[in-house]
């Protein structure tokens, strides 16, 4: 799935890290549906990183206490200070929930 994502979305600046615990983990589900979901999530992760340098996508699959299989996809990228300021500014400019409801 990672190779398909790389082929469909050139992303040489993004590294992928995959961790499956235990190594022989088995997921009982429709393989086509799970593949489609994971590929879409990976595509979204690549798009979220965009052209930012140092992008990293971590894919982890493991069982919880009730033996449910969990698949986590985490996106990490280096954000410039300017981008962080823009994010903070746009969040602080949003009206508070109470203000928006009273308008």
N, C-alpha and C. Protein backbone atom coordinates (compact mmCIF):
# COMPACT_ATOMS: atom_id res chain seq x y z
N UNK A 1 0.82 -1.19 0.00
CA UNK A 1 0.00 0.00 0.00
C UNK A 1 0.87 1.25 0.00
N UNK A 2 1.99 1.19 0.75
CA UNK A 2 2.91 2.33 0.78
C UNK A 2 3.49 2.55 -0.62
N UNK A 3 3.91 1.48 -1.28
CA UNK A 3 4.48 1.61 -2.62
C UNK A 3 3.45 2.17 -3.60
N UNK A 4 2.21 1.74 -3.51
CA UNK A 4 1.16 2.26 -4.37
C UNK A 4 0.96 3.75 -4.12
N UNK A 5 0.98 4.15 -2.85
CA UNK A 5 0.83 5.56 -2.51
C UNK A 5 1.98 6.37 -3.09
N UNK A 6 3.20 5.86 -2.96
CA UNK A 6 4.37 6.57 -3.53
C UNK A 6 4.26 6.67 -5.05
N UNK A 7 3.77 5.63 -5.68
CA UNK A 7 3.64 5.64 -7.14
C UNK A 7 2.60 6.66 -7.59
N UNK A 8 1.47 6.72 -6.89
CA UNK A 8 0.38 7.62 -7.27
C UNK A 8 0.66 9.07 -6.87
N UNK A 9 1.45 9.28 -5.83
CA UNK A 9 1.75 10.62 -5.32
C UNK A 9 3.25 10.73 -5.09
N UNK A 10 3.99 11.27 -6.06
CA UNK A 10 5.44 11.38 -5.86
C UNK A 10 5.73 12.14 -4.57
N UNK A 11 6.44 11.49 -3.66
CA UNK A 11 6.67 12.08 -2.34
C UNK A 11 8.05 11.67 -1.83
N UNK A 12 9.09 12.03 -2.56
CA UNK A 12 10.45 11.66 -2.17
C UNK A 12 10.89 12.31 -0.87
N UNK A 13 10.24 13.39 -0.47
CA UNK A 13 10.61 14.10 0.76
C UNK A 13 9.89 13.53 2.00
N UNK A 14 9.11 12.48 1.80
CA UNK A 14 8.36 11.87 2.91
C UNK A 14 8.90 10.47 3.16
N UNK A 15 9.18 10.18 4.44
CA UNK A 15 9.57 8.82 4.79
C UNK A 15 8.39 8.11 5.44
N UNK A 16 8.29 6.83 5.17
CA UNK A 16 7.22 6.00 5.72
C UNK A 16 7.84 5.04 6.73
N UNK A 17 7.21 4.91 7.87
CA UNK A 17 7.66 3.97 8.90
C UNK A 17 6.47 3.06 9.22
N UNK A 18 6.69 1.76 9.08
CA UNK A 18 5.62 0.80 9.33
C UNK A 18 6.01 -0.10 10.49
N UNK A 19 5.09 -0.27 11.43
CA UNK A 19 5.32 -1.13 12.60
C UNK A 19 4.08 -2.00 12.83
N UNK A 20 4.26 -3.30 12.74
CA UNK A 20 3.17 -4.24 12.98
C UNK A 20 3.56 -5.11 14.16
N UNK A 21 2.72 -5.09 15.21
CA UNK A 21 3.00 -5.83 16.43
C UNK A 21 1.78 -6.66 16.81
N UNK A 22 1.91 -7.96 16.93
CA UNK A 22 3.07 -8.80 16.64
C UNK A 22 3.28 -8.91 15.14
N UNK A 23 4.44 -9.40 14.74
CA UNK A 23 4.79 -9.48 13.33
C UNK A 23 3.83 -10.35 12.53
N UNK A 24 3.21 -11.32 13.19
CA UNK A 24 2.26 -12.22 12.50
C UNK A 24 0.80 -11.81 12.72
N UNK A 25 0.56 -10.54 12.95
CA UNK A 25 -0.79 -10.01 13.19
C UNK A 25 -1.69 -10.32 12.00
N UNK A 26 -2.89 -10.80 12.29
CA UNK A 26 -3.86 -11.13 11.26
C UNK A 26 -5.11 -10.28 11.46
N UNK A 27 -5.55 -9.66 10.39
CA UNK A 27 -6.76 -8.85 10.41
C UNK A 27 -7.82 -9.58 9.61
N UNK A 28 -8.92 -9.95 10.27
CA UNK A 28 -10.01 -10.66 9.61
C UNK A 28 -11.02 -9.63 9.11
N UNK A 29 -10.89 -9.28 7.82
CA UNK A 29 -11.77 -8.29 7.22
C UNK A 29 -11.65 -8.42 5.71
N UNK A 30 -12.50 -7.71 5.01
CA UNK A 30 -12.45 -7.70 3.55
C UNK A 30 -11.17 -6.98 3.12
N UNK A 31 -10.27 -7.72 2.49
CA UNK A 31 -8.96 -7.16 2.12
C UNK A 31 -9.09 -5.96 1.18
N UNK A 32 -10.01 -6.02 0.24
CA UNK A 32 -10.18 -4.90 -0.70
C UNK A 32 -10.66 -3.63 0.00
N UNK A 33 -11.61 -3.78 0.92
CA UNK A 33 -12.12 -2.60 1.63
C UNK A 33 -11.06 -1.99 2.54
N UNK A 34 -10.36 -2.85 3.29
CA UNK A 34 -9.30 -2.34 4.18
C UNK A 34 -8.21 -1.66 3.36
N UNK A 35 -7.83 -2.27 2.26
CA UNK A 35 -6.80 -1.68 1.39
C UNK A 35 -7.24 -0.31 0.88
N UNK A 36 -8.48 -0.21 0.45
CA UNK A 36 -8.99 1.05 -0.06
C UNK A 36 -8.97 2.13 1.02
N UNK A 37 -9.38 1.78 2.23
CA UNK A 37 -9.39 2.75 3.33
C UNK A 37 -7.97 3.21 3.66
N UNK A 38 -7.05 2.25 3.79
CA UNK A 38 -5.67 2.61 4.15
C UNK A 38 -5.02 3.43 3.04
N UNK A 39 -5.23 3.06 1.80
CA UNK A 39 -4.66 3.83 0.68
C UNK A 39 -5.21 5.26 0.68
N UNK A 40 -6.51 5.43 0.92
CA UNK A 40 -7.09 6.78 0.99
C UNK A 40 -6.51 7.58 2.15
N UNK A 41 -6.32 6.94 3.30
CA UNK A 41 -5.72 7.64 4.44
C UNK A 41 -4.28 8.03 4.16
N UNK A 42 -3.53 7.15 3.51
CA UNK A 42 -2.15 7.48 3.14
C UNK A 42 -2.10 8.62 2.14
N UNK A 43 -3.00 8.60 1.18
CA UNK A 43 -3.07 9.69 0.19
C UNK A 43 -3.37 11.01 0.89
N UNK A 44 -4.32 11.00 1.82
CA UNK A 44 -4.64 12.21 2.58
C UNK A 44 -3.45 12.69 3.40
N UNK A 45 -2.71 11.74 3.98
CA UNK A 45 -1.53 12.09 4.77
C UNK A 45 -0.47 12.75 3.90
N UNK A 46 -0.25 12.20 2.71
CA UNK A 46 0.73 12.78 1.79
C UNK A 46 0.29 14.19 1.39
N UNK A 47 -0.98 14.37 1.10
CA UNK A 47 -1.48 15.69 0.72
C UNK A 47 -1.38 16.67 1.89
N UNK A 48 -1.59 16.20 3.11
CA UNK A 48 -1.49 17.08 4.28
C UNK A 48 -0.07 17.59 4.46
N UNK A 49 0.90 16.74 4.20
CA UNK A 49 2.30 17.15 4.33
C UNK A 49 2.68 18.10 3.19
N UNK A 50 2.14 17.85 2.01
CA UNK A 50 2.43 18.72 0.87
C UNK A 50 3.91 18.69 0.53
N UNK A 51 4.48 19.88 0.35
CA UNK A 51 5.90 20.00 0.00
C UNK A 51 6.78 20.30 1.20
N UNK A 52 6.23 20.20 2.39
CA UNK A 52 7.01 20.50 3.58
C UNK A 52 8.16 19.51 3.71
N UNK A 53 9.35 20.00 4.03
CA UNK A 53 10.48 19.08 4.19
C UNK A 53 10.36 18.27 5.46
N UNK A 54 11.00 17.12 5.47
CA UNK A 54 11.04 16.31 6.69
C UNK A 54 9.73 15.61 7.00
N UNK A 55 8.91 15.37 6.00
CA UNK A 55 7.62 14.71 6.23
C UNK A 55 7.82 13.25 6.62
N UNK A 56 6.97 12.78 7.51
CA UNK A 56 7.05 11.39 7.97
C UNK A 56 5.64 10.88 8.19
N UNK A 57 5.38 9.67 7.70
CA UNK A 57 4.09 9.02 7.92
C UNK A 57 4.38 7.72 8.65
N UNK A 58 3.79 7.57 9.82
CA UNK A 58 3.97 6.36 10.62
C UNK A 58 2.70 5.54 10.56
N UNK A 59 2.85 4.27 10.22
CA UNK A 59 1.73 3.34 10.15
C UNK A 59 1.96 2.27 11.20
N UNK A 60 1.04 2.17 12.14
CA UNK A 60 1.16 1.18 13.21
C UNK A 60 -0.09 0.31 13.24
N UNK A 61 0.13 -1.00 13.35
CA UNK A 61 -0.99 -1.93 13.50
C UNK A 61 -0.69 -2.80 14.72
N UNK A 62 -1.68 -2.95 15.58
CA UNK A 62 -1.51 -3.73 16.80
C UNK A 62 -2.86 -4.14 17.35
N UNK A 63 -2.85 -5.01 18.35
CA UNK A 63 -4.08 -5.44 19.03
C UNK A 63 -4.21 -4.69 20.34
N UNK A 64 -5.46 -4.40 20.71
CA UNK A 64 -5.69 -3.84 22.03
C UNK A 64 -6.01 -4.97 23.01
N UNK A 65 -6.44 -4.62 24.22
CA UNK A 65 -6.70 -5.60 25.27
C UNK A 65 -7.81 -6.58 24.90
N UNK A 66 -8.75 -6.14 24.08
CA UNK A 66 -9.87 -7.01 23.69
C UNK A 66 -9.62 -7.69 22.35
N UNK A 67 -8.37 -7.68 21.91
CA UNK A 67 -7.92 -8.33 20.68
C UNK A 67 -8.52 -7.73 19.41
N UNK A 68 -8.94 -6.46 19.48
CA UNK A 68 -9.34 -5.74 18.28
C UNK A 68 -8.07 -5.25 17.59
N UNK A 69 -8.05 -5.32 16.28
CA UNK A 69 -6.88 -4.83 15.54
C UNK A 69 -7.06 -3.33 15.28
N UNK A 70 -6.07 -2.57 15.66
CA UNK A 70 -6.08 -1.13 15.46
C UNK A 70 -5.01 -0.76 14.44
N UNK A 71 -5.37 0.08 13.50
CA UNK A 71 -4.41 0.59 12.52
C UNK A 71 -4.37 2.11 12.70
N UNK A 72 -3.19 2.63 12.99
CA UNK A 72 -3.02 4.07 13.21
C UNK A 72 -2.11 4.62 12.13
N UNK A 73 -2.49 5.75 11.57
CA UNK A 73 -1.66 6.44 10.59
C UNK A 73 -1.45 7.85 11.11
N UNK A 74 -0.18 8.17 11.38
CA UNK A 74 0.15 9.48 11.94
C UNK A 74 1.02 10.24 10.94
N UNK A 75 0.69 11.50 10.77
CA UNK A 75 1.43 12.38 9.86
C UNK A 75 2.24 13.37 10.67
N UNK A 76 3.53 13.47 10.31
CA UNK A 76 4.39 14.43 10.99
C UNK A 76 5.18 15.19 9.95
N UNK A 77 5.31 16.49 10.14
CA UNK A 77 6.10 17.31 9.23
C UNK A 77 6.68 18.47 10.03
N UNK A 78 7.76 18.98 9.53
CA UNK A 78 8.35 20.16 10.14
C UNK A 78 7.57 21.37 9.66
N UNK A 79 7.07 22.14 10.58
CA UNK A 79 6.35 23.35 10.21
C UNK A 79 7.24 24.55 10.46
N UNK A 80 7.25 25.44 9.54
CA UNK A 80 8.05 26.64 9.72
C UNK A 80 7.38 27.53 10.77
N UNK A 81 8.16 28.39 11.37
CA UNK A 81 7.63 29.31 12.37
C UNK A 81 6.54 30.18 11.77
N UNK A 82 6.73 30.61 10.53
CA UNK A 82 5.73 31.43 9.86
C UNK A 82 4.41 30.67 9.71
N UNK A 83 4.49 29.41 9.32
CA UNK A 83 3.27 28.62 9.16
C UNK A 83 2.57 28.44 10.51
N UNK A 84 3.34 28.21 11.56
CA UNK A 84 2.75 28.07 12.89
C UNK A 84 2.04 29.36 13.31
N UNK A 85 2.64 30.50 13.02
CA UNK A 85 2.00 31.78 13.33
C UNK A 85 0.69 31.93 12.57
N UNK A 86 0.68 31.53 11.29
CA UNK A 86 -0.54 31.62 10.49
C UNK A 86 -1.63 30.72 11.04
N UNK A 87 -1.27 29.52 11.47
CA UNK A 87 -2.25 28.61 12.06
C UNK A 87 -2.82 29.22 13.32
N UNK A 88 -1.95 29.75 14.18
CA UNK A 88 -2.40 30.34 15.44
C UNK A 88 -3.29 31.54 15.17
N UNK A 89 -2.90 32.38 14.21
CA UNK A 89 -3.70 33.57 13.90
C UNK A 89 -5.09 33.19 13.41
N UNK A 90 -5.16 32.20 12.52
CA UNK A 90 -6.48 31.84 11.99
C UNK A 90 -7.36 31.23 13.08
N UNK A 91 -6.75 30.50 14.03
CA UNK A 91 -7.54 29.93 15.12
C UNK A 91 -8.02 31.00 16.07
N UNK A 92 -7.18 32.00 16.34
CA UNK A 92 -7.58 33.03 17.30
C UNK A 92 -8.58 34.02 16.70
N UNK A 93 -8.70 34.06 15.38
CA UNK A 93 -9.66 34.96 14.75
C UNK A 93 -11.05 34.37 14.64
N UNK A 94 -11.17 33.07 14.87
CA UNK A 94 -12.49 32.45 14.79
C UNK A 94 -13.34 32.91 15.96
N UNK A 95 -14.62 33.16 15.72
CA UNK A 95 -15.49 33.58 16.84
C UNK A 95 -15.68 32.42 17.81
N UNK A 96 -15.80 32.77 19.06
CA UNK A 96 -16.10 31.74 20.05
C UNK A 96 -17.49 31.20 19.78
N UNK A 97 -17.73 29.99 20.26
CA UNK A 97 -19.00 29.32 19.99
C UNK A 97 -20.19 30.15 20.45
N UNK A 98 -20.08 30.76 21.63
CA UNK A 98 -21.19 31.55 22.17
C UNK A 98 -21.45 32.77 21.29
N UNK A 99 -20.34 33.42 20.79
CA UNK A 99 -20.50 34.60 19.96
C UNK A 99 -21.18 34.24 18.65
N UNK A 100 -20.80 33.13 18.05
CA UNK A 100 -21.37 32.71 16.77
C UNK A 100 -22.85 32.39 16.91
N UNK A 101 -23.25 31.80 18.04
CA UNK A 101 -24.65 31.43 18.23
C UNK A 101 -25.52 32.65 18.49
N UNK A 102 -24.97 33.71 19.08
CA UNK A 102 -25.78 34.89 19.41
C UNK A 102 -25.99 35.79 18.21
N UNK A 103 -25.18 35.60 17.14
CA UNK A 103 -25.32 36.46 15.94
C UNK A 103 -26.50 36.12 15.12
